[in-house]
Amino acid sequence: MARLFRKKPERRKSLWRRTVDLALTDVRVLAGGVDDESLEALEERLLAADFGVAATMRLVARVEAAARRGKVRGGDELRRALRDEVLDILRPAATAELRAADEGPTVHLVVGVNGVGKTTSIAKLAHHLVAQGDDVLVAAADTFRAGAVEQLEMWAGRIGADFLRGQSGGDPAAVAFDAIDRAEARGTDVVLIDTAGRLHTKRGLMEELRKIDRVVRRRLPGAPHETLIVLDATVGQNALRQVEEFSKVVELTGIILAKMDSSARGGIVVALAEEFGLPVKLVGVGEEVDDLATFDPDAFVAGVFAA
């Protein structure tokens, strides 16, 4: 995507600025040397900012090791040590470009729990793809919630994307199969398959998702080219559990992190990369249809640790 983080109105403090404020405020390292008390305070602040246990332990250990070598004595050194370690965590999992088929339609399967902003995120992604010249088909494989299907159909009409819905109460996997059939017949570039929001604790619904994935793979070798899980940035550490559970059913390839503009705890980006090595490919940065941005680790870290 051409656009990264476009500047938002100054009606609220920058997400990244709020994150680092939360992580570093009142940590005595800023005023002087590093000791056990200041390291404990840093640990607490990073956990509060949703950096997660694994990433927090790694970051604190990095600061402590640097302090022992005499490289961390105050605020500037602390920022440098943390910045370098955050980049070390994020860069290995950074893959901004969405995968594409070598030939034929590209198929992206989108999954997630109820209420995370999945429908809106699909609309935003479809909007971007149409804007860059792709023919897009949005397939509603949620055959039980008529309201969700109608909302997605409305978005597709506004965006200029083709739309496919199944029969009410029908087989969601059949919708995915039919979507690929239509895409091949019409020469469509990208198929976005919206699956029903499901709690990761509901075994029956998770097995239904497994079936959708299996049908897509059999119908078109190499598909799905991306299986993207939509996560709500405001739910914090629960996002880690969602990734863990969905990964047992489908092969996740990336994350769409919705509602980033509503969260002061952007450290979840670091926690996800540390725990799973799964790239955050797209972030929702507002409510408008064009408020979707590619995630860039260097841009993230520059924003967090800006002077």
C-alpha atoms as a PDB file:
ATOM      1  CA  MET A   1       0.000   0.000   0.000  1.00  0.00           C
ATOM      2  CA  ALA A   2       1.255   3.417  -0.811  1.00  0.00           C
ATOM      3  CA  ARG A   3       0.022   5.080   2.366  1.00  0.00           C
ATOM      4  CA  LEU A   4       1.549   4.427   5.766  1.00  0.00           C
ATOM      5  CA  PHE A   5       0.524   6.551   8.736  1.00  0.00           C
ATOM      6  CA  ARG A   6      -1.215   9.640   7.478  1.00  0.00           C
ATOM      7  CA  LYS A   7      -1.325  12.491   9.933  1.00  0.00           C
ATOM      8  CA  LYS A   8      -4.497  12.639  11.952  1.00  0.00           C
ATOM      9  CA  PRO A   9      -5.987  15.845  13.419  1.00  0.00           C
ATOM     10  CA  GLU A  10      -4.399  16.996  16.655  1.00  0.00           C
ATOM     11  CA  ARG A  11      -7.596  16.411  18.603  1.00  0.00           C
ATOM     12  CA  ARG A  12      -5.923  13.663  20.616  1.00  0.00           C
ATOM     13  CA  LYS A  13      -2.363  12.874  21.556  1.00  0.00           C
ATOM     14  CA  SER A  14      -0.583  10.565  19.117  1.00  0.00           C
ATOM     15  CA  LEU A  15      -1.240   6.897  19.822  1.00  0.00           C
ATOM     16  CA  TRP A  16       2.467   6.146  19.859  1.00  0.00           C
ATOM     17  CA  ARG A  17       3.190   9.156  22.067  1.00  0.00           C
ATOM     18  CA  ARG A  18       0.560   8.016  24.556  1.00  0.00           C
ATOM     19  CA  THR A  19       1.995   4.516  24.511  1.00  0.00           C
ATOM     20  CA  VAL A  20       5.499   5.618  25.386  1.00  0.00           C
ATOM     21  CA  ASP A  21       4.187   8.085  27.954  1.00  0.00           C
ATOM     22  CA  LEU A  22       2.333   5.281  29.673  1.00  0.00           C
ATOM     23  CA  ALA A  23       5.338   3.010  29.475  1.00  0.00           C
ATOM     24  CA  LEU A  24       7.924   5.479  30.760  1.00  0.00           C
ATOM     25  CA  THR A  25       6.177   8.047  32.972  1.00  0.00           C
ATOM     26  CA  ASP A  26       7.613   8.185  36.500  1.00  0.00           C
ATOM     27  CA  VAL A  27      10.270   5.583  35.821  1.00  0.00           C
ATOM     28  CA  ARG A  28      13.249   6.789  37.830  1.00  0.00           C
ATOM     29  CA  VAL A  29      15.667   5.693  35.120  1.00  0.00           C
ATOM     30  CA  LEU A  30      14.752   8.939  33.375  1.00  0.00           C
ATOM     31  CA  ALA A  31      16.300  10.931  36.162  1.00  0.00           C
ATOM     32  CA  GLY A  32      19.369   8.898  36.912  1.00  0.00           C
ATOM     33  CA  GLY A  33      20.920   5.478  37.218  1.00  0.00           C
ATOM     34  CA  VAL A  34      19.286   2.099  36.781  1.00  0.00           C
ATOM     35  CA  ASP A  35      18.490   0.118  39.937  1.00  0.00           C
ATOM     36  CA  ASP A  36      16.187  -2.745  40.890  1.00  0.00           C
ATOM     37  CA  GLU A  37      13.364  -0.389  41.806  1.00  0.00           C
ATOM     38  CA  SER A  38      13.490   1.514  38.531  1.00  0.00           C
ATOM     39  CA  LEU A  39      13.663  -1.698  36.498  1.00  0.00           C
ATOM     40  CA  GLU A  40      10.628  -3.024  38.364  1.00  0.00           C
ATOM     41  CA  ALA A  41       8.772   0.205  37.626  1.00  0.00           C
ATOM     42  CA  LEU A  42       9.715  -0.070  33.942  1.00  0.00           C
ATOM     43  CA  GLU A  43       8.461  -3.640  33.893  1.00  0.00           C
ATOM     44  CA  GLU A  44       5.116  -2.615  35.391  1.00  0.00           C
ATOM     45  CA  ARG A  45       4.679   0.220  32.908  1.00  0.00           C
ATOM     46  CA  LEU A  46       5.431  -1.931  29.890  1.00  0.00           C
ATOM     47  CA  LEU A  47       2.975  -4.581  31.060  1.00  0.00           C
ATOM     48  CA  ALA A  48       0.339  -1.874  31.585  1.00  0.00           C
ATOM     49  CA  ALA A  49       0.926  -0.722  27.997  1.00  0.00           C
ATOM     50  CA  ASP A  50       0.181  -4.262  26.707  1.00  0.00           C
ATOM     51  CA  PHE A  51       3.735  -5.134  25.707  1.00  0.00           C
ATOM     52  CA  GLY A  52       3.069  -8.625  27.094  1.00  0.00           C
ATOM     53  CA  VAL A  53       5.118 -10.723  29.488  1.00  0.00           C
ATOM     54  CA  ALA A  54       7.611 -12.156  26.996  1.00  0.00           C
ATOM     55  CA  ALA A  55       8.385  -8.821  25.309  1.00  0.00           C
ATOM     56  CA  THR A  56       8.516  -6.990  28.652  1.00  0.00           C
ATOM     57  CA  MET A  57      10.995  -9.461  30.116  1.00  0.00           C
ATOM     58  CA  ARG A  58      13.160  -9.165  27.018  1.00  0.00           C
ATOM     59  CA  LEU A  59      13.070  -5.370  27.071  1.00  0.00           C
ATOM     60  CA  VAL A  60      13.841  -5.094  30.778  1.00  0.00           C
ATOM     61  CA  ALA A  61      16.667  -7.621  30.474  1.00  0.00           C
ATOM     62  CA  ARG A  62      18.104  -5.585  27.587  1.00  0.00           C
ATOM     63  CA  VAL A  63      18.047  -2.397  29.650  1.00  0.00           C
ATOM     64  CA  GLU A  64      19.577  -4.141  32.652  1.00  0.00           C
ATOM     65  CA  ALA A  65      22.368  -5.670  30.556  1.00  0.00           C
ATOM     66  CA  ALA A  66      23.089  -2.318  28.934  1.00  0.00           C
ATOM     67  CA  ALA A  67      23.186  -0.663  32.357  1.00  0.00           C
ATOM     68  CA  ARG A  68      25.739  -3.173  33.596  1.00  0.00           C
ATOM     69  CA  ARG A  69      27.925  -2.263  30.631  1.00  0.00           C
ATOM     70  CA  GLY A  70      27.549   1.398  31.492  1.00  0.00           C
ATOM     71  CA  LYS A  71      25.535   2.202  28.358  1.00  0.00           C
ATOM     72  CA  VAL A  72      22.332   3.254  30.123  1.00  0.00           C
ATOM     73  CA  ARG A  73      22.555   6.100  32.610  1.00  0.00           C
ATOM     74  CA  GLY A  74      19.488   8.191  31.873  1.00  0.00           C
ATOM     75  CA  GLY A  75      16.568   8.923  29.599  1.00  0.00           C
ATOM     76  CA  ASP A  76      18.376   9.107  26.257  1.00  0.00           C
ATOM     77  CA  GLU A  77      20.219   5.835  26.790  1.00  0.00           C
ATOM     78  CA  LEU A  78      17.052   4.142  27.985  1.00  0.00           C
ATOM     79  CA  ARG A  79      15.163   5.219  24.902  1.00  0.00           C
ATOM     80  CA  ARG A  80      17.924   3.981  22.620  1.00  0.00           C
ATOM     81  CA  ALA A  81      18.095   0.592  24.351  1.00  0.00           C
ATOM     82  CA  LEU A  82      14.326   0.141  24.243  1.00  0.00           C
ATOM     83  CA  ARG A  83      14.058   1.389  20.643  1.00  0.00           C
ATOM     84  CA  ASP A  84      16.709  -1.038  19.396  1.00  0.00           C
ATOM     85  CA  GLU A  85      15.130  -3.981  21.199  1.00  0.00           C
ATOM     86  CA  VAL A  86      11.605  -3.187  19.967  1.00  0.00           C
ATOM     87  CA  LEU A  87      12.933  -3.073  16.397  1.00  0.00           C
ATOM     88  CA  ASP A  88      14.652  -6.429  16.959  1.00  0.00           C
ATOM     89  CA  ILE A  89      11.284  -7.870  17.971  1.00  0.00           C
ATOM     90  CA  LEU A  90       9.234  -6.292  15.179  1.00  0.00           C
ATOM     91  CA  ARG A  91      11.479  -6.487  12.126  1.00  0.00           C
ATOM     92  CA  PRO A  92      11.631 -10.296  11.718  1.00  0.00           C
ATOM     93  CA  ALA A  93       7.830 -10.407  11.493  1.00  0.00           C
ATOM     94  CA  ALA A  94       7.461  -7.361   9.244  1.00  0.00           C
ATOM     95  CA  THR A  95       5.920  -8.204   5.880  1.00  0.00           C
ATOM     96  CA  ALA A  96       3.936  -5.224   4.680  1.00  0.00           C
ATOM     97  CA  GLU A  97       2.892  -6.573   1.285  1.00  0.00           C
ATOM     98  CA  LEU A  98      -0.116  -8.831   1.026  1.00  0.00           C
ATOM     99  CA  ARG A  99       0.583 -12.051  -0.844  1.00  0.00           C
ATOM    100  CA  ALA A 100      -0.819 -12.458  -4.340  1.00  0.00           C
ATOM    101  CA  ALA A 101      -1.495 -15.395  -6.637  1.00  0.00           C
ATOM    102  CA  ASP A 102       0.950 -16.015  -9.460  1.00  0.00           C
ATOM    103  CA  GLU A 103      -2.049 -16.428 -11.753  1.00  0.00           C
ATOM    104  CA  GLY A 104      -5.795 -16.414 -11.355  1.00  0.00           C
ATOM    105  CA  PRO A 105      -7.636 -14.814  -8.457  1.00  0.00           C
ATOM    106  CA  THR A 106      -5.959 -13.962  -5.188  1.00  0.00           C
ATOM    107  CA  VAL A 107      -8.028 -15.192  -2.251  1.00  0.00           C
ATOM    108  CA  HIS A 108      -7.884 -13.688   1.233  1.00  0.00           C
ATOM    109  CA  LEU A 109      -9.759 -15.336   4.088  1.00  0.00           C
ATOM    110  CA  VAL A 110     -10.656 -12.961   6.939  1.00  0.00           C
ATOM    111  CA  VAL A 111     -11.410 -14.323  10.412  1.00  0.00           C
ATOM    112  CA  GLY A 112     -11.978 -13.054  13.930  1.00  0.00           C
ATOM    113  CA  VAL A 113     -14.292 -12.991  16.933  1.00  0.00           C
ATOM    114  CA  ASN A 114     -17.508 -11.023  17.183  1.00  0.00           C
ATOM    115  CA  GLY A 115     -17.296  -7.268  17.542  1.00  0.00           C
ATOM    116  CA  VAL A 116     -13.686  -6.669  16.538  1.00  0.00           C
ATOM    117  CA  GLY A 117     -14.468  -4.540  13.483  1.00  0.00           C
ATOM    118  CA  LYS A 118     -14.044  -7.317  10.939  1.00  0.00           C
ATOM    119  CA  THR A 119     -16.735  -6.129   8.514  1.00  0.00           C
ATOM    120  CA  THR A 120     -15.424  -2.578   8.533  1.00  0.00           C
ATOM    121  CA  SER A 121     -11.850  -3.769   8.079  1.00  0.00           C
ATOM    122  CA  ILE A 122     -12.861  -5.835   5.036  1.00  0.00           C
ATOM    123  CA  ALA A 123     -14.627  -2.801   3.583  1.00  0.00           C
ATOM    124  CA  LYS A 124     -11.514  -0.693   4.096  1.00  0.00           C
ATOM    125  CA  LEU A 125      -9.303  -3.326   2.482  1.00  0.00           C
ATOM    126  CA  ALA A 126     -11.689  -3.689  -0.458  1.00  0.00           C
ATOM    127  CA  HIS A 127     -11.736   0.094  -0.865  1.00  0.00           C
ATOM    128  CA  HIS A 128      -7.957   0.242  -1.067  1.00  0.00           C
ATOM    129  CA  LEU A 129      -7.754  -2.610  -3.562  1.00  0.00           C
ATOM    130  CA  VAL A 130     -10.420  -1.075  -5.809  1.00  0.00           C
ATOM    131  CA  ALA A 131      -8.676   2.303  -5.574  1.00  0.00           C
ATOM    132  CA  GLN A 132      -5.420   0.776  -6.827  1.00  0.00           C
ATOM    133  CA  GLY A 133      -7.224  -0.734  -9.820  1.00  0.00           C
ATOM    134  CA  ASP A 134      -8.072  -4.280  -8.740  1.00  0.00           C
ATOM    135  CA  ASP A 135     -11.376  -5.973  -9.499  1.00  0.00           C
ATOM    136  CA  VAL A 136     -12.590  -7.167  -6.099  1.00  0.00           C
ATOM    137  CA  LEU A 137     -15.247  -9.685  -5.097  1.00  0.00           C
ATOM    138  CA  VAL A 138     -16.450  -9.611  -1.487  1.00  0.00           C
ATOM    139  CA  ALA A 139     -18.028 -12.910  -0.419  1.00  0.00           C
ATOM    140  CA  ALA A 140     -20.204 -13.039   2.711  1.00  0.00           C
ATOM    141  CA  ALA A 141     -19.685 -16.508   4.171  1.00  0.00           C
ATOM    142  CA  ASP A 142     -21.695 -15.546   7.245  1.00  0.00           C
ATOM    143  CA  THR A 143     -24.995 -17.133   6.272  1.00  0.00           C
ATOM    144  CA  PHE A 144     -26.728 -16.804   9.628  1.00  0.00           C
ATOM    145  CA  ARG A 145     -26.582 -13.091  10.477  1.00  0.00           C
ATOM    146  CA  ALA A 146     -28.597 -11.238   7.859  1.00  0.00           C
ATOM    147  CA  GLY A 147     -27.690  -7.859   9.316  1.00  0.00           C
ATOM    148  CA  ALA A 148     -23.964  -8.463   8.927  1.00  0.00           C
ATOM    149  CA  VAL A 149     -24.446  -9.613   5.317  1.00  0.00           C
ATOM    150  CA  GLU A 150     -26.534  -6.559   4.468  1.00  0.00           C
ATOM    151  CA  GLN A 151     -23.958  -4.247   5.997  1.00  0.00           C
ATOM    152  CA  LEU A 152     -21.178  -5.813   3.951  1.00  0.00           C
ATOM    153  CA  GLU A 153     -23.286  -5.666   0.786  1.00  0.00           C
ATOM    154  CA  MET A 154     -23.901  -1.956   1.395  1.00  0.00           C
ATOM    155  CA  TRP A 155     -20.159  -1.341   1.762  1.00  0.00           C
ATOM    156  CA  ALA A 156     -19.383  -3.322  -1.398  1.00  0.00           C
ATOM    157  CA  GLY A 157     -21.901  -1.256  -3.367  1.00  0.00           C
ATOM    158  CA  ARG A 158     -20.402   2.013  -2.162  1.00  0.00           C
ATOM    159  CA  ILE A 159     -16.870   0.895  -2.892  1.00  0.00           C
ATOM    160  CA  GLY A 160     -17.554  -0.563  -6.327  1.00  0.00           C
ATOM    161  CA  ALA A 161     -16.762  -4.169  -5.473  1.00  0.00           C
ATOM    162  CA  ASP A 162     -18.658  -7.217  -6.668  1.00  0.00           C
ATOM    163  CA  PHE A 163     -20.593  -9.020  -3.936  1.00  0.00           C
ATOM    164  CA  LEU A 164     -21.719 -12.598  -3.338  1.00  0.00           C
ATOM    165  CA  ARG A 165     -24.008 -13.863  -0.603  1.00  0.00           C
ATOM    166  CA  GLY A 166     -25.270 -17.344   0.142  1.00  0.00           C
ATOM    167  CA  GLN A 167     -28.698 -18.582   1.074  1.00  0.00           C
ATOM    168  CA  SER A 168     -29.782 -17.769   4.612  1.00  0.00           C
ATOM    169  CA  GLY A 169     -28.702 -20.625   6.842  1.00  0.00           C
ATOM    170  CA  GLY A 170     -26.734 -22.228   4.033  1.00  0.00           C
ATOM    171  CA  ASP A 171     -23.269 -23.759   4.070  1.00  0.00           C
ATOM    172  CA  PRO A 172     -20.599 -21.027   4.489  1.00  0.00           C
ATOM    173  CA  ALA A 173     -18.014 -23.206   2.747  1.00  0.00           C
ATOM    174  CA  ALA A 174     -20.259 -23.349  -0.309  1.00  0.00           C
ATOM    175  CA  VAL A 175     -20.228 -19.549  -0.465  1.00  0.00           C
ATOM    176  CA  ALA A 176     -16.431 -19.563  -0.500  1.00  0.00           C
ATOM    177  CA  PHE A 177     -16.420 -22.207  -3.240  1.00  0.00           C
ATOM    178  CA  ASP A 178     -18.924 -20.262  -5.352  1.00  0.00           C
ATOM    179  CA  ALA A 179     -16.938 -17.042  -4.869  1.00  0.00           C
ATOM    180  CA  ILE A 180     -13.840 -18.598  -6.397  1.00  0.00           C
ATOM    181  CA  ASP A 181     -15.946 -19.996  -9.251  1.00  0.00           C
ATOM    182  CA  ARG A 182     -17.310 -16.521 -10.000  1.00  0.00           C
ATOM    183  CA  ALA A 183     -13.904 -14.885  -9.698  1.00  0.00           C
ATOM    184  CA  GLU A 184     -12.379 -17.288 -12.222  1.00  0.00           C
ATOM    185  CA  ALA A 185     -15.298 -16.859 -14.626  1.00  0.00           C
ATOM    186  CA  ARG A 186     -15.183 -13.059 -14.495  1.00  0.00           C
ATOM    187  CA  GLY A 187     -11.419 -12.577 -14.293  1.00  0.00           C
ATOM    188  CA  THR A 188     -11.629 -11.003 -10.825  1.00  0.00           C
ATOM    189  CA  ASP A 189      -8.303 -10.050  -9.271  1.00  0.00           C
ATOM    190  CA  VAL A 190      -9.006 -10.451  -5.543  1.00  0.00           C
ATOM    191  CA  VAL A 191     -11.597 -12.376  -3.524  1.00  0.00           C
ATOM    192  CA  LEU A 192     -12.164 -11.302   0.085  1.00  0.00           C
ATOM    193  CA  ILE A 193     -14.027 -13.976   2.046  1.00  0.00           C
ATOM    194  CA  ASP A 194     -15.709 -12.687   5.176  1.00  0.00           C
ATOM    195  CA  THR A 195     -16.342 -15.435   7.717  1.00  0.00           C
ATOM    196  CA  ALA A 196     -18.846 -15.233  10.557  1.00  0.00           C
ATOM    197  CA  GLY A 197     -17.517 -13.719  13.755  1.00  0.00           C
ATOM    198  CA  ARG A 198     -17.062 -16.514  16.224  1.00  0.00           C
ATOM    199  CA  LEU A 199     -15.847 -16.847  19.774  1.00  0.00           C
ATOM    200  CA  HIS A 200     -12.661 -18.858  19.815  1.00  0.00           C
ATOM    201  CA  THR A 201     -14.177 -20.966  22.617  1.00  0.00           C
ATOM    202  CA  LYS A 202     -17.016 -22.289  20.402  1.00  0.00           C
ATOM    203  CA  ARG A 203     -15.742 -25.581  19.016  1.00  0.00           C
ATOM    204  CA  GLY A 204     -18.549 -26.122  16.507  1.00  0.00           C
ATOM    205  CA  LEU A 205     -18.035 -22.740  14.868  1.00  0.00           C
ATOM    206  CA  MET A 206     -14.283 -23.219  14.811  1.00  0.00           C
ATOM    207  CA  GLU A 207     -14.737 -26.540  13.015  1.00  0.00           C
ATOM    208  CA  GLU A 208     -16.956 -24.735  10.491  1.00  0.00           C
ATOM    209  CA  LEU A 209     -14.057 -22.346   9.860  1.00  0.00           C
ATOM    210  CA  ARG A 210     -11.723 -25.286   9.391  1.00  0.00           C
ATOM    211  CA  LYS A 211     -14.093 -26.608   6.725  1.00  0.00           C
ATOM    212  CA  ILE A 212     -14.165 -23.260   4.877  1.00  0.00           C
ATOM    213  CA  ASP A 213     -10.371 -23.235   4.805  1.00  0.00           C
ATOM    214  CA  ARG A 214     -10.248 -26.835   3.583  1.00  0.00           C
ATOM    215  CA  VAL A 215     -12.758 -26.182   0.782  1.00  0.00           C
ATOM    216  CA  VAL A 216     -10.873 -23.096  -0.394  1.00  0.00           C
ATOM    217  CA  ARG A 217      -7.603 -25.057  -0.508  1.00  0.00           C
ATOM    218  CA  ARG A 218      -9.144 -27.863  -2.515  1.00  0.00           C
ATOM    219  CA  ARG A 219     -10.922 -25.534  -4.923  1.00  0.00           C
ATOM    220  CA  LEU A 220      -7.890 -23.382  -5.728  1.00  0.00           C
ATOM    221  CA  PRO A 221      -4.341 -24.644  -5.121  1.00  0.00           C
ATOM    222  CA  GLY A 222      -2.316 -22.040  -3.249  1.00  0.00           C
ATOM    223  CA  ALA A 223      -5.371 -20.385  -1.729  1.00  0.00           C
ATOM    224  CA  PRO A 224      -6.033 -18.803   0.641  1.00  0.00           C
ATOM    225  CA  HIS A 225      -3.079 -16.589  -0.141  1.00  0.00           C
ATOM    226  CA  GLU A 226      -3.613 -14.717   3.113  1.00  0.00           C
ATOM    227  CA  THR A 227      -5.577 -15.731   6.183  1.00  0.00           C
ATOM    228  CA  LEU A 228      -5.907 -12.516   8.133  1.00  0.00           C
ATOM    229  CA  ILE A 229      -7.199 -12.345  11.681  1.00  0.00           C
ATOM    230  CA  VAL A 230      -8.834  -9.077  12.699  1.00  0.00           C
ATOM    231  CA  LEU A 231      -8.033  -8.068  16.276  1.00  0.00           C
ATOM    232  CA  ASP A 232      -9.365  -5.207  18.350  1.00  0.00           C
ATOM    233  CA  ALA A 233      -6.414  -3.182  19.658  1.00  0.00           C
ATOM    234  CA  THR A 234      -8.428  -2.123  22.702  1.00  0.00           C
ATOM    235  CA  VAL A 235      -8.800  -5.658  24.116  1.00  0.00           C
ATOM    236  CA  GLY A 236      -5.133  -5.920  25.057  1.00  0.00           C
ATOM    237  CA  GLN A 237      -3.770  -9.289  26.063  1.00  0.00           C
ATOM    238  CA  ASN A 238      -6.951 -11.143  25.074  1.00  0.00           C
ATOM    239  CA  ALA A 239      -5.776 -10.635  21.492  1.00  0.00           C
ATOM    240  CA  LEU A 240      -2.947 -13.075  22.191  1.00  0.00           C
ATOM    241  CA  ARG A 241      -5.424 -15.763  23.223  1.00  0.00           C
ATOM    242  CA  GLN A 242      -7.494 -15.190  20.092  1.00  0.00           C
ATOM    243  CA  VAL A 243      -4.445 -15.649  17.848  1.00  0.00           C
ATOM    244  CA  GLU A 244      -3.451 -18.775  19.761  1.00  0.00           C
ATOM    245  CA  GLU A 245      -6.876 -20.379  19.388  1.00  0.00           C
ATOM    246  CA  PHE A 246      -7.493 -19.438  15.731  1.00  0.00           C
ATOM    247  CA  SER A 247      -4.016 -20.714  14.851  1.00  0.00           C
ATOM    248  CA  LYS A 248      -5.111 -24.179  15.922  1.00  0.00           C
ATOM    249  CA  VAL A 249      -7.780 -24.191  13.201  1.00  0.00           C
ATOM    250  CA  VAL A 250      -6.365 -22.198  10.273  1.00  0.00           C
ATOM    251  CA  GLU A 251      -2.894 -21.138   9.172  1.00  0.00           C
ATOM    252  CA  LEU A 252      -2.842 -17.443  10.016  1.00  0.00           C
ATOM    253  CA  THR A 253      -0.533 -15.315   7.858  1.00  0.00           C
ATOM    254  CA  GLY A 254      -1.128 -11.818   9.203  1.00  0.00           C
ATOM    255  CA  ILE A 255      -3.062  -9.488  11.460  1.00  0.00           C
ATOM    256  CA  ILE A 256      -5.361  -6.569  10.795  1.00  0.00           C
ATOM    257  CA  LEU A 257      -5.283  -4.548  14.012  1.00  0.00           C
ATOM    258  CA  ALA A 258      -8.494  -2.538  14.167  1.00  0.00           C
ATOM    259  CA  LYS A 259      -9.337   0.447  16.378  1.00  0.00           C
ATOM    260  CA  MET A 260      -5.739   1.518  16.905  1.00  0.00           C
ATOM    261  CA  ASP A 261      -6.926   5.119  17.071  1.00  0.00           C
ATOM    262  CA  SER A 262      -9.001   4.198  20.138  1.00  0.00           C
ATOM    263  CA  SER A 263      -6.214   2.530  22.103  1.00  0.00           C
ATOM    264  CA  ALA A 264      -3.548   4.066  24.288  1.00  0.00           C
ATOM    265  CA  ARG A 265      -1.919   0.653  24.648  1.00  0.00           C
ATOM    266  CA  GLY A 266      -0.204   0.086  21.332  1.00  0.00           C
ATOM    267  CA  GLY A 267       2.330  -2.215  22.933  1.00  0.00           C
ATOM    268  CA  ILE A 268       0.122  -5.128  21.867  1.00  0.00           C
ATOM    269  CA  VAL A 269       1.857  -4.833  18.475  1.00  0.00           C
ATOM    270  CA  VAL A 270       5.115  -5.794  20.178  1.00  0.00           C
ATOM    271  CA  ALA A 271       3.497  -8.551  22.232  1.00  0.00           C
ATOM    272  CA  LEU A 272       1.990 -10.180  19.129  1.00  0.00           C
ATOM    273  CA  ALA A 273       5.294 -10.156  17.272  1.00  0.00           C
ATOM    274  CA  GLU A 274       7.208 -11.521  20.266  1.00  0.00           C
ATOM    275  CA  GLU A 275       4.716 -14.291  21.040  1.00  0.00           C
ATOM    276  CA  PHE A 276       3.851 -15.450  17.517  1.00  0.00           C
ATOM    277  CA  GLY A 277       6.144 -13.796  14.954  1.00  0.00           C
ATOM    278  CA  LEU A 278       2.932 -12.975  13.082  1.00  0.00           C
ATOM    279  CA  PRO A 279       3.083  -9.723  11.100  1.00  0.00           C
ATOM    280  CA  VAL A 280       0.659  -6.889  11.770  1.00  0.00           C
ATOM    281  CA  LYS A 281       0.083  -6.077   8.115  1.00  0.00           C
ATOM    282  CA  LEU A 282      -2.658  -3.468   8.418  1.00  0.00           C
ATOM    283  CA  VAL A 283      -3.909  -1.137  11.131  1.00  0.00           C
ATOM    284  CA  GLY A 284      -7.174   0.739  11.414  1.00  0.00           C
ATOM    285  CA  VAL A 285      -6.441   4.373  12.265  1.00  0.00           C
ATOM    286  CA  GLY A 286      -9.902   5.914  12.079  1.00  0.00           C
ATOM    287  CA  GLU A 287     -13.536   5.402  11.163  1.00  0.00           C
ATOM    288  CA  GLU A 288     -13.446   6.473   7.506  1.00  0.00           C
ATOM    289  CA  VAL A 289     -13.209   3.936   4.713  1.00  0.00           C
ATOM    290  CA  ASP A 290      -9.694   5.086   3.808  1.00  0.00           C
ATOM    291  CA  ASP A 291      -8.451   4.886   7.411  1.00  0.00           C
ATOM    292  CA  LEU A 292      -6.438   1.722   6.885  1.00  0.00           C
ATOM    293  CA  ALA A 293      -2.655   1.795   6.828  1.00  0.00           C
ATOM    294  CA  THR A 294       0.162  -0.677   6.323  1.00  0.00           C
ATOM    295  CA  PHE A 295       2.161  -1.338   9.462  1.00  0.00           C
ATOM    296  CA  ASP A 296       5.775  -0.243   9.284  1.00  0.00           C
ATOM    297  CA  PRO A 297       8.012  -1.167  12.281  1.00  0.00           C
ATOM    298  CA  ASP A 298      10.388   1.728  11.691  1.00  0.00           C
ATOM    299  CA  ALA A 299       7.514   4.215  11.529  1.00  0.00           C
ATOM    300  CA  PHE A 300       6.030   2.698  14.675  1.00  0.00           C
ATOM    301  CA  VAL A 301       9.269   2.898  16.633  1.00  0.00           C
ATOM    302  CA  ALA A 302      10.086   6.390  15.367  1.00  0.00           C
ATOM    303  CA  GLY A 303       6.698   7.529  16.602  1.00  0.00           C
ATOM    304  CA  VAL A 304       7.023   5.828  19.978  1.00  0.00           C
ATOM    305  CA  PHE A 305      10.494   7.102  20.733  1.00  0.00           C
ATOM    306  CA  ALA A 306      10.290  10.557  19.170  1.00  0.00           C
ATOM    307  CA  ALA A 307      11.912  13.165  21.344  1.00  0.00           C
END
